[in-house]
Protein backbone atom coordinates (compact mmCIF):
# COMPACT_ATOMS: atom_id res chain seq x y z
CA MET A 1 -20.25 -3.20 46.87
CA LYS A 2 -21.48 -0.60 44.35
CA ILE A 3 -18.19 1.30 44.64
CA LYS A 4 -16.18 -1.86 43.84
CA ILE A 5 -18.30 -2.53 40.73
CA VAL A 6 -17.91 1.06 39.51
CA ILE A 7 -14.14 1.01 40.11
CA LEU A 8 -13.89 -2.33 38.34
CA ALA A 9 -15.89 -1.00 35.37
CA VAL A 10 -13.70 2.12 35.13
CA CYS A 11 -10.51 0.03 35.29
CA PHE A 12 -11.83 -2.30 32.58
CA ALA A 13 -12.74 0.68 30.37
CA LEU A 14 -9.26 2.19 30.81
CA LEU A 15 -7.59 -1.12 30.00
CA SER A 16 -9.74 -1.52 26.89
CA VAL A 17 -8.77 1.93 25.63
CA GLY A 18 -5.11 1.30 26.39
CA CYS A 19 -5.18 -1.98 24.47
CA SER A 20 -6.95 -0.68 21.40
CA PRO A 21 -5.29 -1.76 18.16
CA GLU A 22 -2.98 0.63 16.33
CA PRO A 23 -4.56 2.29 13.28
CA VAL A 24 -3.57 0.99 9.88
CA SER A 25 -1.07 3.18 8.06
CA ILE A 26 1.11 3.22 4.98
CA GLU A 27 4.75 3.68 5.94
CA SER A 28 6.23 3.88 2.44
CA ILE A 29 5.82 2.93 -1.20
CA HIS A 30 8.56 1.80 -3.57
CA LEU A 31 8.66 1.38 -7.33
CA LEU A 32 10.59 -1.74 -8.31
CA GLU A 33 11.88 -3.59 -11.33
CA SER A 34 11.71 -6.86 -9.36
CA LEU A 35 10.86 -8.28 -5.92
CA ASP A 36 13.20 -10.14 -3.59
CA GLU A 37 12.42 -13.54 -2.06
CA GLU A 38 10.86 -11.97 1.03
CA MET A 39 8.46 -9.87 -1.11
CA GLY A 40 10.15 -6.73 0.13
CA THR A 41 11.89 -4.06 -1.82
CA GLN A 42 14.75 -4.46 -4.22
CA GLN A 43 16.06 -2.31 -7.07
CA GLN A 44 14.15 0.84 -6.11
CA THR A 45 13.94 3.25 -8.99
CA GLY A 46 12.13 6.26 -10.44
CA ILE A 47 13.33 5.88 -14.03
CA LEU A 48 12.64 2.61 -15.81
CA PRO A 49 14.15 1.33 -19.07
CA ALA A 50 12.04 1.57 -22.26
CA GLU A 51 12.00 -2.22 -22.80
CA ILE A 52 10.36 -2.93 -19.41
CA ASN A 53 7.03 -4.79 -19.45
CA ASN A 54 6.59 -5.48 -15.71
CA ILE A 55 6.54 -2.84 -12.99
CA PHE A 56 6.14 -3.61 -9.30
CA LEU A 57 4.93 -1.38 -6.50
CA SER A 58 5.64 -2.41 -2.92
CA VAL A 59 3.53 -0.80 -0.20
CA LYS A 60 4.85 -1.10 3.34
CA VAL A 61 1.87 -1.12 5.72
CA ASN A 62 1.57 -1.14 9.49
CA HIS A 63 -1.25 -2.76 11.44
CA ILE A 64 -3.34 -3.82 8.44
CA THR A 65 -6.35 -6.08 8.98
CA PRO A 66 -8.42 -8.20 6.60
CA GLU A 67 -11.06 -5.44 6.67
CA ASP A 68 -8.63 -2.90 5.18
CA GLU A 69 -8.18 -2.37 1.45
CA ILE A 70 -5.32 -0.88 -0.54
CA LYS A 71 -5.92 0.39 -4.07
CA VAL A 72 -3.36 1.50 -6.66
CA VAL A 73 -4.32 3.58 -9.68
CA TRP A 74 -1.69 3.51 -12.46
CA THR A 75 -1.87 6.50 -14.85
CA PHE A 76 0.05 7.36 -18.04
CA LEU A 77 0.40 11.11 -17.52
CA ASP A 78 1.32 11.95 -21.13
CA THR A 79 -2.21 11.02 -22.23
CA ASP A 80 -3.88 11.28 -18.80
CA ASN A 81 -5.18 7.71 -19.26
CA ILE A 82 -5.67 5.32 -16.36
CA ILE A 83 -3.85 2.13 -17.31
CA ASP A 84 -5.10 -0.02 -14.46
CA GLU A 85 -6.73 0.01 -11.02
CA GLN A 86 -5.78 -2.75 -8.61
CA MET A 87 -7.16 -3.56 -5.16
CA SER A 88 -5.71 -5.81 -2.49
CA SER A 89 -6.44 -6.93 1.04
CA VAL A 90 -4.71 -9.35 3.41
CA ASP A 91 -5.78 -12.62 5.01
CA GLN A 92 -4.27 -11.91 8.44
CA ALA A 93 -3.68 -8.80 10.52
CA GLY A 94 -0.14 -7.51 10.81
CA SER A 95 2.52 -5.34 9.24
CA GLY A 96 4.63 -5.88 6.13
CA TYR A 97 4.55 -5.44 2.38
CA VAL A 98 1.59 -5.56 0.00
CA ASN A 99 2.84 -5.83 -3.57
CA PHE A 100 1.28 -4.87 -6.87
CA ASN A 101 2.36 -5.66 -10.41
CA ILE A 102 1.34 -4.12 -13.72
CA HIS A 103 2.22 -5.86 -16.99
CA ILE A 104 2.08 -4.66 -20.58
CA ALA A 105 3.22 -7.45 -22.92
CA GLU A 106 4.48 -5.09 -25.64
CA GLY A 107 6.24 -2.88 -23.05
CA PHE A 108 5.43 0.47 -21.53
CA PRO A 109 5.48 3.50 -23.84
CA SER A 110 8.16 6.05 -23.01
CA GLY A 111 6.80 8.87 -20.91
CA ASN A 112 5.67 9.92 -17.45
CA TYR A 113 3.53 7.85 -15.12
CA THR A 114 2.09 7.98 -11.63
CA ALA A 115 0.92 5.40 -9.12
CA ASP A 116 -1.66 6.72 -6.65
CA VAL A 117 -2.09 4.65 -3.50
CA TYR A 118 -5.35 4.64 -1.52
CA LEU A 119 -6.01 3.13 1.89
CA ASN A 120 -9.65 2.39 2.65
CA GLY A 121 -10.75 4.89 -0.01
CA THR A 122 -8.47 7.74 1.15
CA HIS A 123 -5.62 8.92 -1.07
CA GLU A 124 -2.42 8.31 0.91
CA GLN A 125 0.58 8.67 -1.39
CA LYS A 126 1.58 9.34 -4.98
CA LEU A 127 4.66 8.09 -6.76
CA ASP A 128 5.77 9.66 -10.04
CA PHE A 129 8.06 7.73 -12.38
CA SER A 130 9.12 7.66 -16.00
CA VAL A 131 9.94 5.14 -18.69
CA GLN A 132 12.85 6.20 -20.93
């Protein structure tokens, strides 16, 4: 009887390890002038027009849970000033896009920018872009 219990416990432990959830990861990030209806990517770009006053960043994530947090730090490199820091989380576990938007009513000054993306406090990716 003891052998059956031990074998059962080992099998259960192996099944639990085999069924562990995939770790959250960032697959890609995209700078956008707009978003499509499905909140995915559209009009990917690295150079934005001078008259732009809305910039979108779409982060494609895999296996995100409500406990995970994505942060984007927007920086104007010409002055080394942080324009904005935005944080987001999801309501349900899954994979897909998490989108961010930064708005400057009078438009973005011409120059060089970066968007740094963090996942649970760890820097994951950086996206350089310019406004011309």
